Amino acid sequence: MTTDAAPPRPTGTLDLVFFAVAAAAAVALWAVVRIVGVFDPTGVPFTLPVSDDPVALTLEGQSAPATQTLTEATVRVPDLDAAGKAFLVASAVIVLLGTVVAVTAIVRLALEFRAGRFFSRRVTRAFTIVGATILGTALLVMLSDAMARRSAMEALGLAYEPLHLLDLVAYAPAWVASLVAGVLAGAFAYGERLQRDVRGLV
């Protein structure tokens, strides 16, 4: 007498889908807050470098002013032009879209793994989409923020310094993540071809 095996419980996959949707929702909320902040009448905050001259100021928690040496300061720019605001809005939208695309690919990847299809074209495509999305999102956000920063510095009457290699360091996690996803895409593509060759020999 044989009985049909019970189907695997989808708990793990459902958990992943839940956390993926929660992450996308959190990014959506962040994007809305940032876009609303762009139109704050008191100005848009920008972090700008300052001279290393000691200044007297009161830090939060201090009862009296003390001499401090600052390396950067957050300045509100109330006269940011339309182009600068547009770049800030575009940056937030790009992050949101990139997150949605990457999360969707990761969910599809998890579903393929749960179904036991480790070396398939969908897995390779999912890793490729994740890597390309992270890379493209980081590049576009970096450029958009740089253009918004340029508008802010012009509004303050400051000379704008173009991007240099050190600016790439802040996006190091994105570069590493996209590289890892690309390597995994190549590895799973090779496994897929090897699997087809083995099946052809059987």
N, C-alpha and C. Protein backbone atom coordinates (compact mmCIF):
# COMPACT_ATOMS: atom_id res chain seq x y z
N MET A 1 0.85 -1.19 0.00
CA MET A 1 0.00 0.00 0.00
C MET A 1 0.88 1.24 0.00
N THR A 2 0.62 2.10 -0.89
CA THR A 2 1.43 3.31 -1.01
C THR A 2 0.57 4.52 -0.71
N THR A 3 1.19 5.49 -0.15
CA THR A 3 0.49 6.75 0.14
C THR A 3 1.27 7.88 -0.48
N ASP A 4 0.56 8.87 -0.87
CA ASP A 4 1.21 10.04 -1.46
C ASP A 4 1.92 10.83 -0.38
N ALA A 5 3.13 11.24 -0.68
CA ALA A 5 3.91 12.02 0.27
C ALA A 5 3.28 13.41 0.42
N ALA A 6 3.31 13.88 1.64
CA ALA A 6 2.75 15.21 1.89
C ALA A 6 3.61 16.26 1.22
N PRO A 7 2.99 17.25 0.61
CA PRO A 7 3.77 18.29 -0.05
C PRO A 7 4.58 19.07 0.97
N PRO A 8 5.75 19.57 0.57
CA PRO A 8 6.59 20.31 1.49
C PRO A 8 5.88 21.56 1.99
N ARG A 9 6.11 21.84 3.26
CA ARG A 9 5.50 23.03 3.85
C ARG A 9 6.17 24.28 3.29
N PRO A 10 5.39 25.28 2.90
CA PRO A 10 5.96 26.47 2.27
C PRO A 10 6.36 27.55 3.29
N THR A 11 6.58 27.13 4.56
CA THR A 11 6.83 28.12 5.61
C THR A 11 8.04 28.98 5.29
N GLY A 12 9.16 28.33 4.93
CA GLY A 12 10.39 29.08 4.66
C GLY A 12 10.21 30.08 3.54
N THR A 13 9.57 29.65 2.46
CA THR A 13 9.35 30.53 1.33
C THR A 13 8.42 31.68 1.69
N LEU A 14 7.36 31.36 2.44
CA LEU A 14 6.43 32.40 2.84
C LEU A 14 7.11 33.43 3.76
N ASP A 15 8.01 32.94 4.61
CA ASP A 15 8.76 33.87 5.47
C ASP A 15 9.62 34.81 4.64
N LEU A 16 10.28 34.23 3.63
CA LEU A 16 11.12 35.06 2.76
C LEU A 16 10.29 36.09 2.02
N VAL A 17 9.15 35.67 1.51
CA VAL A 17 8.27 36.60 0.80
C VAL A 17 7.81 37.72 1.74
N PHE A 18 7.48 37.33 2.98
CA PHE A 18 7.03 38.34 3.95
C PHE A 18 8.12 39.36 4.22
N PHE A 19 9.35 38.89 4.50
CA PHE A 19 10.43 39.82 4.78
C PHE A 19 10.80 40.65 3.55
N ALA A 20 10.69 40.05 2.37
CA ALA A 20 10.98 40.80 1.15
C ALA A 20 9.96 41.92 0.95
N VAL A 21 8.69 41.60 1.15
CA VAL A 21 7.65 42.63 1.02
C VAL A 21 7.82 43.70 2.09
N ALA A 22 8.19 43.28 3.31
CA ALA A 22 8.41 44.24 4.39
C ALA A 22 9.58 45.17 4.06
N ALA A 23 10.65 44.61 3.48
CA ALA A 23 11.79 45.44 3.11
C ALA A 23 11.41 46.44 2.02
N ALA A 24 10.65 45.97 1.02
CA ALA A 24 10.21 46.88 -0.03
C ALA A 24 9.30 47.97 0.52
N ALA A 25 8.43 47.61 1.47
CA ALA A 25 7.54 48.60 2.07
C ALA A 25 8.33 49.63 2.88
N ALA A 26 9.37 49.17 3.59
CA ALA A 26 10.20 50.09 4.36
C ALA A 26 10.92 51.08 3.44
N VAL A 27 11.44 50.57 2.32
CA VAL A 27 12.11 51.45 1.37
C VAL A 27 11.11 52.43 0.75
N ALA A 28 9.90 51.96 0.48
CA ALA A 28 8.87 52.85 -0.06
C ALA A 28 8.56 53.97 0.93
N LEU A 29 8.46 53.63 2.21
CA LEU A 29 8.20 54.65 3.23
C LEU A 29 9.35 55.64 3.30
N TRP A 30 10.59 55.12 3.24
CA TRP A 30 11.76 55.99 3.26
C TRP A 30 11.74 56.94 2.06
N ALA A 31 11.38 56.41 0.88
CA ALA A 31 11.35 57.24 -0.32
C ALA A 31 10.31 58.35 -0.20
N VAL A 32 9.15 58.02 0.36
CA VAL A 32 8.11 59.04 0.54
C VAL A 32 8.59 60.13 1.49
N VAL A 33 9.21 59.72 2.60
CA VAL A 33 9.70 60.70 3.57
C VAL A 33 10.78 61.59 2.95
N ARG A 34 11.65 60.99 2.14
CA ARG A 34 12.70 61.79 1.52
C ARG A 34 12.14 62.75 0.50
N ILE A 35 11.19 62.30 -0.29
CA ILE A 35 10.59 63.18 -1.31
C ILE A 35 9.85 64.33 -0.64
N VAL A 36 9.13 64.04 0.44
CA VAL A 36 8.44 65.11 1.16
C VAL A 36 9.45 66.09 1.73
N GLY A 37 10.59 65.59 2.23
CA GLY A 37 11.62 66.46 2.78
C GLY A 37 12.24 67.38 1.76
N VAL A 38 12.22 66.97 0.49
CA VAL A 38 12.79 67.81 -0.56
C VAL A 38 12.05 69.14 -0.66
N PHE A 39 10.77 69.12 -0.35
CA PHE A 39 9.94 70.32 -0.48
C PHE A 39 9.70 71.01 0.87
N ASP A 40 10.55 70.71 1.83
CA ASP A 40 10.46 71.36 3.15
C ASP A 40 10.79 72.84 2.99
N PRO A 41 9.91 73.74 3.44
CA PRO A 41 10.18 75.18 3.26
C PRO A 41 11.41 75.68 4.02
N THR A 42 11.85 74.94 5.05
CA THR A 42 13.04 75.37 5.79
C THR A 42 14.33 75.02 5.07
N GLY A 43 14.24 74.23 4.01
CA GLY A 43 15.42 73.89 3.24
C GLY A 43 15.72 72.41 3.26
N VAL A 44 16.53 71.98 2.30
CA VAL A 44 16.94 70.59 2.19
C VAL A 44 18.30 70.42 2.85
N PRO A 45 18.46 69.46 3.76
CA PRO A 45 19.76 69.29 4.43
C PRO A 45 20.79 68.63 3.51
N PHE A 46 21.98 69.18 3.51
CA PHE A 46 23.12 68.61 2.78
C PHE A 46 24.31 68.56 3.72
N THR A 47 25.08 67.48 3.65
CA THR A 47 26.30 67.36 4.43
C THR A 47 27.46 67.84 3.57
N LEU A 48 28.13 68.90 4.03
CA LEU A 48 29.19 69.53 3.26
C LEU A 48 30.46 69.59 4.11
N PRO A 49 31.63 69.55 3.46
CA PRO A 49 32.89 69.66 4.22
C PRO A 49 33.08 71.08 4.74
N VAL A 50 33.78 71.18 5.84
CA VAL A 50 34.07 72.48 6.44
C VAL A 50 35.57 72.56 6.70
N SER A 51 36.05 73.79 6.93
CA SER A 51 37.45 73.98 7.26
C SER A 51 37.73 73.39 8.64
N ASP A 52 39.00 73.06 8.89
CA ASP A 52 39.35 72.42 10.16
C ASP A 52 39.68 73.41 11.26
N ASP A 53 39.16 74.63 11.14
CA ASP A 53 39.37 75.61 12.20
C ASP A 53 38.50 75.27 13.40
N PRO A 54 39.05 75.33 14.61
CA PRO A 54 38.25 75.05 15.81
C PRO A 54 37.12 76.07 15.97
N VAL A 55 35.97 75.59 16.37
CA VAL A 55 34.82 76.46 16.58
C VAL A 55 34.20 76.11 17.93
N ALA A 56 33.56 77.11 18.53
CA ALA A 56 32.89 76.90 19.80
C ALA A 56 31.43 76.57 19.55
N LEU A 57 31.00 75.41 20.00
CA LEU A 57 29.60 75.02 19.83
C LEU A 57 29.20 74.08 20.96
N THR A 58 27.90 73.92 21.10
CA THR A 58 27.36 73.05 22.15
C THR A 58 26.79 71.80 21.51
N LEU A 59 27.40 70.66 21.79
CA LEU A 59 26.89 69.40 21.29
C LEU A 59 25.72 68.93 22.14
N GLU A 60 24.91 68.07 21.57
CA GLU A 60 23.77 67.55 22.31
C GLU A 60 24.26 66.80 23.55
N GLY A 61 23.74 67.18 24.69
CA GLY A 61 24.16 66.57 25.94
C GLY A 61 25.14 67.42 26.73
N GLN A 62 25.72 68.44 26.08
CA GLN A 62 26.63 69.33 26.77
C GLN A 62 25.85 70.51 27.35
N SER A 63 26.32 70.99 28.49
CA SER A 63 25.64 72.11 29.16
C SER A 63 26.22 73.45 28.78
N ALA A 64 27.40 73.45 28.18
CA ALA A 64 28.05 74.71 27.83
C ALA A 64 28.83 74.53 26.53
N PRO A 65 29.03 75.61 25.78
CA PRO A 65 29.81 75.50 24.54
C PRO A 65 31.24 75.03 24.82
N ALA A 66 31.77 74.30 23.85
CA ALA A 66 33.15 73.81 23.94
C ALA A 66 33.78 73.92 22.56
N THR A 67 35.09 74.03 22.54
CA THR A 67 35.81 74.15 21.28
C THR A 67 35.90 72.79 20.61
N GLN A 68 35.44 72.71 19.39
CA GLN A 68 35.42 71.46 18.62
C GLN A 68 36.03 71.71 17.25
N THR A 69 36.57 70.65 16.66
CA THR A 69 37.07 70.70 15.29
C THR A 69 36.20 69.83 14.41
N LEU A 70 35.51 70.43 13.47
CA LEU A 70 34.57 69.72 12.61
C LEU A 70 35.23 69.38 11.28
N THR A 71 34.81 68.26 10.70
CA THR A 71 35.25 67.88 9.37
C THR A 71 34.16 68.07 8.33
N GLU A 72 32.89 68.05 8.79
CA GLU A 72 31.76 68.30 7.90
C GLU A 72 30.58 68.77 8.73
N ALA A 73 29.62 69.37 8.05
CA ALA A 73 28.45 69.90 8.74
C ALA A 73 27.23 69.74 7.84
N THR A 74 26.07 69.57 8.46
CA THR A 74 24.81 69.48 7.72
C THR A 74 24.19 70.86 7.64
N VAL A 75 23.99 71.32 6.42
CA VAL A 75 23.49 72.68 6.18
C VAL A 75 22.17 72.58 5.43
N ARG A 76 21.19 73.34 5.86
CA ARG A 76 19.91 73.40 5.14
C ARG A 76 20.01 74.44 4.02
N VAL A 77 19.58 74.05 2.83
CA VAL A 77 19.62 74.92 1.66
C VAL A 77 18.20 75.27 1.27
N PRO A 78 17.70 76.44 1.67
CA PRO A 78 16.30 76.79 1.36
C PRO A 78 16.07 77.21 -0.08
N ASP A 79 17.14 77.62 -0.76
CA ASP A 79 16.99 78.14 -2.13
C ASP A 79 17.45 77.14 -3.18
N LEU A 80 17.25 75.87 -2.91
CA LEU A 80 17.64 74.85 -3.89
C LEU A 80 16.78 74.97 -5.14
N ASP A 81 17.42 74.97 -6.31
CA ASP A 81 16.65 75.16 -7.54
C ASP A 81 15.88 73.90 -7.92
N ALA A 82 15.06 74.05 -8.96
CA ALA A 82 14.19 72.95 -9.38
C ALA A 82 15.00 71.74 -9.84
N ALA A 83 16.13 71.97 -10.49
CA ALA A 83 16.95 70.86 -10.96
C ALA A 83 17.48 70.04 -9.78
N GLY A 84 17.96 70.74 -8.74
CA GLY A 84 18.46 70.03 -7.58
C GLY A 84 17.38 69.20 -6.91
N LYS A 85 16.17 69.75 -6.78
CA LYS A 85 15.06 69.01 -6.19
C LYS A 85 14.68 67.81 -7.05
N ALA A 86 14.72 68.00 -8.37
CA ALA A 86 14.37 66.91 -9.28
C ALA A 86 15.37 65.76 -9.15
N PHE A 87 16.65 66.08 -9.00
CA PHE A 87 17.66 65.03 -8.83
C PHE A 87 17.46 64.28 -7.52
N LEU A 88 17.08 64.98 -6.45
CA LEU A 88 16.83 64.31 -5.18
C LEU A 88 15.63 63.39 -5.27
N VAL A 89 14.56 63.85 -5.91
CA VAL A 89 13.38 63.01 -6.09
C VAL A 89 13.72 61.80 -6.96
N ALA A 90 14.48 62.03 -8.03
CA ALA A 90 14.88 60.93 -8.91
C ALA A 90 15.71 59.90 -8.15
N SER A 91 16.59 60.36 -7.27
CA SER A 91 17.41 59.45 -6.48
C SER A 91 16.55 58.54 -5.61
N ALA A 92 15.55 59.12 -4.94
CA ALA A 92 14.66 58.31 -4.09
C ALA A 92 13.85 57.32 -4.92
N VAL A 93 13.36 57.75 -6.06
CA VAL A 93 12.57 56.86 -6.92
C VAL A 93 13.44 55.72 -7.46
N ILE A 94 14.68 56.03 -7.81
CA ILE A 94 15.60 55.00 -8.32
C ILE A 94 15.86 53.94 -7.26
N VAL A 95 16.08 54.37 -6.02
CA VAL A 95 16.29 53.41 -4.94
C VAL A 95 15.07 52.52 -4.76
N LEU A 96 13.88 53.11 -4.82
CA LEU A 96 12.65 52.33 -4.66
C LEU A 96 12.48 51.32 -5.79
N LEU A 97 12.66 51.76 -7.02
CA LEU A 97 12.50 50.85 -8.16
C LEU A 97 13.55 49.75 -8.13
N GLY A 98 14.78 50.12 -7.81
CA GLY A 98 15.84 49.11 -7.73
C GLY A 98 15.56 48.08 -6.66
N THR A 99 15.03 48.52 -5.53
CA THR A 99 14.70 47.59 -4.45
C THR A 99 13.60 46.62 -4.88
N VAL A 100 12.57 47.15 -5.53
CA VAL A 100 11.46 46.29 -5.98
C VAL A 100 11.95 45.24 -6.97
N VAL A 101 12.78 45.65 -7.91
CA VAL A 101 13.29 44.70 -8.92
C VAL A 101 14.17 43.64 -8.26
N ALA A 102 15.08 44.06 -7.38
CA ALA A 102 15.99 43.11 -6.73
C ALA A 102 15.22 42.16 -5.82
N VAL A 103 14.26 42.67 -5.06
CA VAL A 103 13.49 41.82 -4.15
C VAL A 103 12.66 40.81 -4.94
N THR A 104 12.08 41.24 -6.05
CA THR A 104 11.31 40.32 -6.89
C THR A 104 12.19 39.19 -7.41
N ALA A 105 13.40 39.53 -7.84
CA ALA A 105 14.32 38.50 -8.35
C ALA A 105 14.74 37.55 -7.23
N ILE A 106 14.95 38.07 -6.03
CA ILE A 106 15.35 37.21 -4.92
C ILE A 106 14.23 36.25 -4.54
N VAL A 107 12.99 36.72 -4.55
CA VAL A 107 11.85 35.85 -4.25
C VAL A 107 11.75 34.74 -5.29
N ARG A 108 11.90 35.09 -6.55
CA ARG A 108 11.87 34.06 -7.60
C ARG A 108 13.00 33.06 -7.42
N LEU A 109 14.15 33.55 -7.00
CA LEU A 109 15.29 32.69 -6.76
C LEU A 109 14.99 31.70 -5.64
N ALA A 110 14.38 32.19 -4.57
CA ALA A 110 14.04 31.31 -3.45
C ALA A 110 13.02 30.25 -3.86
N LEU A 111 12.06 30.64 -4.68
CA LEU A 111 11.06 29.68 -5.14
C LEU A 111 11.69 28.59 -6.01
N GLU A 112 12.66 28.96 -6.82
CA GLU A 112 13.36 27.96 -7.64
C GLU A 112 14.14 26.99 -6.75
N PHE A 113 14.83 27.52 -5.75
CA PHE A 113 15.59 26.67 -4.85
C PHE A 113 14.68 25.72 -4.07
N ARG A 114 13.54 26.24 -3.63
CA ARG A 114 12.61 25.42 -2.87
C ARG A 114 12.04 24.30 -3.73
N ALA A 115 11.89 24.56 -5.01
CA ALA A 115 11.39 23.52 -5.92
C ALA A 115 12.47 22.54 -6.33
N GLY A 116 13.70 22.75 -5.85
CA GLY A 116 14.79 21.84 -6.18
C GLY A 116 15.45 22.11 -7.51
N ARG A 117 15.15 23.25 -8.12
CA ARG A 117 15.75 23.60 -9.41
C ARG A 117 16.92 24.57 -9.16
N PHE A 118 18.07 24.00 -8.80
CA PHE A 118 19.21 24.84 -8.46
C PHE A 118 19.94 25.35 -9.70
N PHE A 119 20.05 24.51 -10.72
CA PHE A 119 20.76 24.91 -11.92
C PHE A 119 19.76 25.03 -13.07
N SER A 120 19.14 26.18 -13.14
CA SER A 120 18.16 26.45 -14.19
C SER A 120 18.40 27.84 -14.73
N ARG A 121 17.80 28.09 -15.88
CA ARG A 121 17.97 29.40 -16.51
C ARG A 121 17.36 30.51 -15.66
N ARG A 122 16.29 30.19 -14.94
CA ARG A 122 15.66 31.19 -14.08
C ARG A 122 16.57 31.60 -12.93
N VAL A 123 17.30 30.65 -12.38
CA VAL A 123 18.24 30.97 -11.30
C VAL A 123 19.35 31.87 -11.81
N THR A 124 19.92 31.51 -12.95
CA THR A 124 20.98 32.33 -13.53
C THR A 124 20.47 33.73 -13.84
N ARG A 125 19.27 33.81 -14.40
CA ARG A 125 18.70 35.12 -14.73
C ARG A 125 18.43 35.94 -13.47
N ALA A 126 17.97 35.28 -12.41
CA ALA A 126 17.69 36.00 -11.16
C ALA A 126 18.96 36.60 -10.57
N PHE A 127 20.04 35.83 -10.53
CA PHE A 127 21.31 36.36 -10.02
C PHE A 127 21.81 37.51 -10.89
N THR A 128 21.65 37.37 -12.20
CA THR A 128 22.08 38.43 -13.12
C THR A 128 21.29 39.71 -12.88
N ILE A 129 19.98 39.55 -12.71
CA ILE A 129 19.12 40.72 -12.47
C ILE A 129 19.50 41.40 -11.17
N VAL A 130 19.75 40.62 -10.12
CA VAL A 130 20.11 41.20 -8.83
C VAL A 130 21.41 41.99 -8.94
N GLY A 131 22.43 41.37 -9.55
CA GLY A 131 23.72 42.06 -9.69
C GLY A 131 23.63 43.32 -10.53
N ALA A 132 22.96 43.21 -11.68
CA ALA A 132 22.85 44.37 -12.57
C ALA A 132 22.02 45.48 -11.93
N THR A 133 20.97 45.10 -11.19
CA THR A 133 20.12 46.11 -10.55
C THR A 133 20.87 46.86 -9.46
N ILE A 134 21.60 46.13 -8.64
CA ILE A 134 22.38 46.78 -7.58
C ILE A 134 23.41 47.73 -8.17
N LEU A 135 24.12 47.27 -9.19
CA LEU A 135 25.14 48.10 -9.82
C LEU A 135 24.53 49.34 -10.46
N GLY A 136 23.48 49.15 -11.25
CA GLY A 136 22.85 50.27 -11.92
C GLY A 136 22.23 51.26 -10.95
N THR A 137 21.59 50.74 -9.90
CA THR A 137 20.98 51.63 -8.91
C THR A 137 22.03 52.46 -8.20
N ALA A 138 23.13 51.84 -7.80
CA ALA A 138 24.19 52.58 -7.11
C ALA A 138 24.78 53.67 -7.98
N LEU A 139 25.03 53.35 -9.24
CA LEU A 139 25.60 54.34 -10.16
C LEU A 139 24.65 55.52 -10.36
N LEU A 140 23.38 55.23 -10.60
CA LEU A 140 22.42 56.30 -10.86
C LEU A 140 22.18 57.16 -9.62
N VAL A 141 22.13 56.52 -8.46
CA VAL A 141 21.95 57.28 -7.22
C VAL A 141 23.16 58.16 -6.95
N MET A 142 24.34 57.62 -7.18
CA MET A 142 25.55 58.41 -6.96
C MET A 142 25.58 59.64 -7.86
N LEU A 143 25.21 59.47 -9.11
CA LEU A 143 25.20 60.59 -10.05
C LEU A 143 24.09 61.59 -9.70
N SER A 144 22.91 61.09 -9.35
CA SER A 144 21.81 61.99 -9.01
C SER A 144 22.13 62.81 -7.77
N ASP A 145 22.67 62.15 -6.75
CA ASP A 145 23.02 62.87 -5.53
C ASP A 145 24.13 63.88 -5.78
N ALA A 146 25.06 63.52 -6.65
CA ALA A 146 26.15 64.45 -6.97
C ALA A 146 25.61 65.70 -7.67
N MET A 147 24.66 65.53 -8.59
CA MET A 147 24.09 66.69 -9.27
C MET A 147 23.27 67.56 -8.31
N ALA A 148 22.54 66.91 -7.38
CA ALA A 148 21.80 67.67 -6.38
C ALA A 148 22.75 68.43 -5.47
N ARG A 149 23.86 67.79 -5.11
CA ARG A 149 24.87 68.44 -4.28
C ARG A 149 25.47 69.64 -5.00
N ARG A 150 25.67 69.50 -6.30
CA ARG A 150 26.18 70.62 -7.09
C ARG A 150 25.22 71.80 -7.05
N SER A 151 23.93 71.54 -7.20
CA SER A 151 22.94 72.61 -7.14
C SER A 151 22.93 73.28 -5.77
N ALA A 152 23.09 72.48 -4.72
CA ALA A 152 23.11 73.03 -3.36
C ALA A 152 24.32 73.93 -3.15
N MET A 153 25.47 73.51 -3.62
CA MET A 153 26.68 74.30 -3.43
C MET A 153 26.62 75.59 -4.25
N GLU A 154 26.03 75.52 -5.43
CA GLU A 154 25.85 76.74 -6.22
C GLU A 154 24.90 77.70 -5.54
N ALA A 155 23.84 77.17 -4.89
CA ALA A 155 22.90 78.02 -4.18
C ALA A 155 23.57 78.71 -2.99
N LEU A 156 24.57 78.05 -2.41
CA LEU A 156 25.30 78.62 -1.28
C LEU A 156 26.48 79.47 -1.72
N GLY A 157 26.71 79.55 -3.03
CA GLY A 157 27.82 80.33 -3.54
C GLY A 157 29.17 79.65 -3.37
N LEU A 158 29.17 78.32 -3.32
CA LEU A 158 30.41 77.56 -3.14
C LEU A 158 30.84 76.93 -4.46
N ALA A 159 32.13 76.69 -4.57
CA ALA A 159 32.67 76.03 -5.76
C ALA A 159 32.42 74.54 -5.66
N TYR A 160 31.92 73.96 -6.72
CA TYR A 160 31.60 72.53 -6.72
C TYR A 160 32.81 71.72 -7.14
N GLU A 161 33.10 70.66 -6.38
CA GLU A 161 34.18 69.75 -6.73
C GLU A 161 33.58 68.50 -7.37
N PRO A 162 34.02 68.15 -8.56
CA PRO A 162 33.44 66.98 -9.24
C PRO A 162 33.76 65.70 -8.49
N LEU A 163 33.07 64.63 -8.88
CA LEU A 163 33.28 63.34 -8.26
C LEU A 163 34.71 62.85 -8.49
N HIS A 164 35.25 62.17 -7.49
CA HIS A 164 36.54 61.53 -7.65
C HIS A 164 36.47 60.12 -7.09
N LEU A 165 37.57 59.39 -7.16
CA LEU A 165 37.55 57.97 -6.81
C LEU A 165 37.13 57.72 -5.36
N LEU A 166 37.46 58.63 -4.47
CA LEU A 166 37.10 58.43 -3.07
C LEU A 166 35.59 58.40 -2.86
N ASP A 167 34.85 59.05 -3.75
CA ASP A 167 33.39 59.03 -3.63
C ASP A 167 32.82 57.64 -3.86
N LEU A 168 33.58 56.78 -4.54
CA LEU A 168 33.11 55.43 -4.79
C LEU A 168 33.16 54.56 -3.54
N VAL A 169 33.98 54.96 -2.56
CA VAL A 169 34.14 54.15 -1.36
C VAL A 169 32.82 54.05 -0.58
N ALA A 170 32.05 55.13 -0.56
CA ALA A 170 30.78 55.11 0.17
C ALA A 170 29.81 54.07 -0.39
N TYR A 171 29.98 53.68 -1.64
CA TYR A 171 29.10 52.70 -2.27
C TYR A 171 29.76 51.33 -2.37
N ALA A 172 30.81 51.10 -1.57
CA ALA A 172 31.53 49.83 -1.61
C ALA A 172 30.63 48.62 -1.39
N PRO A 173 29.68 48.65 -0.43
CA PRO A 173 28.80 47.48 -0.28
C PRO A 173 28.03 47.14 -1.56
N ALA A 174 27.60 48.16 -2.29
CA ALA A 174 26.87 47.90 -3.54
C ALA A 174 27.79 47.27 -4.58
N TRP A 175 29.03 47.77 -4.69
CA TRP A 175 29.96 47.18 -5.66
C TRP A 175 30.24 45.72 -5.32
N VAL A 176 30.45 45.44 -4.02
CA VAL A 176 30.75 44.07 -3.61
C VAL A 176 29.55 43.16 -3.84
N ALA A 177 28.35 43.64 -3.49
CA ALA A 177 27.15 42.82 -3.68
C ALA A 177 26.91 42.51 -5.15
N SER A 178 27.09 43.51 -6.02
CA SER A 178 26.88 43.27 -7.45
C SER A 178 27.93 42.30 -8.00
N LEU A 179 29.16 42.40 -7.50
CA LEU A 179 30.21 41.48 -7.94
C LEU A 179 29.91 40.06 -7.51
N VAL A 180 29.48 39.89 -6.26
CA VAL A 180 29.14 38.55 -5.76
C VAL A 180 27.98 37.96 -6.56
N ALA A 181 26.96 38.76 -6.82
CA ALA A 181 25.82 38.27 -7.61
C ALA A 181 26.26 37.89 -9.02
N GLY A 182 27.16 38.67 -9.61
CA GLY A 182 27.66 38.32 -10.94
C GLY A 182 28.45 37.03 -10.96
N VAL A 183 29.29 36.83 -9.93
CA VAL A 183 30.06 35.59 -9.84
C VAL A 183 29.13 34.39 -9.66
N LEU A 184 28.12 34.55 -8.81
CA LEU A 184 27.15 33.46 -8.62
C LEU A 184 26.38 33.17 -9.90
N ALA A 185 26.03 34.22 -10.64
CA ALA A 185 25.33 34.00 -11.90
C ALA A 185 26.19 33.19 -12.86
N GLY A 186 27.49 33.52 -12.93
CA GLY A 186 28.38 32.75 -13.78
C GLY A 186 28.54 31.32 -13.32
N ALA A 187 28.63 31.11 -12.00
CA ALA A 187 28.79 29.75 -11.47
C ALA A 187 27.56 28.89 -11.74
N PHE A 188 26.38 29.46 -11.52
CA PHE A 188 25.16 28.70 -11.76
C PHE A 188 24.91 28.49 -13.26
N ALA A 189 25.35 29.42 -14.09
CA ALA A 189 25.24 29.21 -15.54
C ALA A 189 26.12 28.05 -15.98
N TYR A 190 27.33 27.98 -15.39
CA TYR A 190 28.22 26.86 -15.70
C TYR A 190 27.60 25.55 -15.22
N GLY A 191 27.01 25.56 -14.01
CA GLY A 191 26.36 24.36 -13.51
C GLY A 191 25.20 23.93 -14.38
N GLU A 192 24.47 24.91 -14.90
CA GLU A 192 23.36 24.59 -15.79
C GLU A 192 23.84 23.91 -17.07
N ARG A 193 24.92 24.45 -17.66
CA ARG A 193 25.47 23.82 -18.88
C ARG A 193 26.00 22.43 -18.58
N LEU A 194 26.68 22.28 -17.44
CA LEU A 194 27.21 20.96 -17.07
C LEU A 194 26.09 19.96 -16.85
N GLN A 195 24.99 20.41 -16.26
CA GLN A 195 23.84 19.52 -16.03
C GLN A 195 23.22 19.07 -17.33
N ARG A 196 23.14 20.00 -18.32
CA ARG A 196 22.59 19.62 -19.63
C ARG A 196 23.51 18.62 -20.33
N ASP A 197 24.82 18.82 -20.20
CA ASP A 197 25.74 17.89 -20.83
C ASP A 197 25.64 16.50 -20.22
N VAL A 198 25.48 16.45 -18.89
CA VAL A 198 25.38 15.15 -18.22
C VAL A 198 24.09 14.44 -18.64
N ARG A 199 23.00 15.18 -18.73
CA ARG A 199 21.75 14.59 -19.16
C ARG A 199 21.83 14.09 -20.59
N GLY A 200 22.63 14.77 -21.41
CA GLY A 200 22.77 14.34 -22.80
C GLY A 200 23.55 13.04 -22.94
N LEU A 201 24.39 12.77 -21.91
CA LEU A 201 25.18 11.53 -21.97
C LEU A 201 24.42 10.33 -21.43
N VAL A 202 23.34 10.61 -20.66
CA VAL A 202 22.59 9.49 -20.06
C VAL A 202 21.67 8.86 -21.10
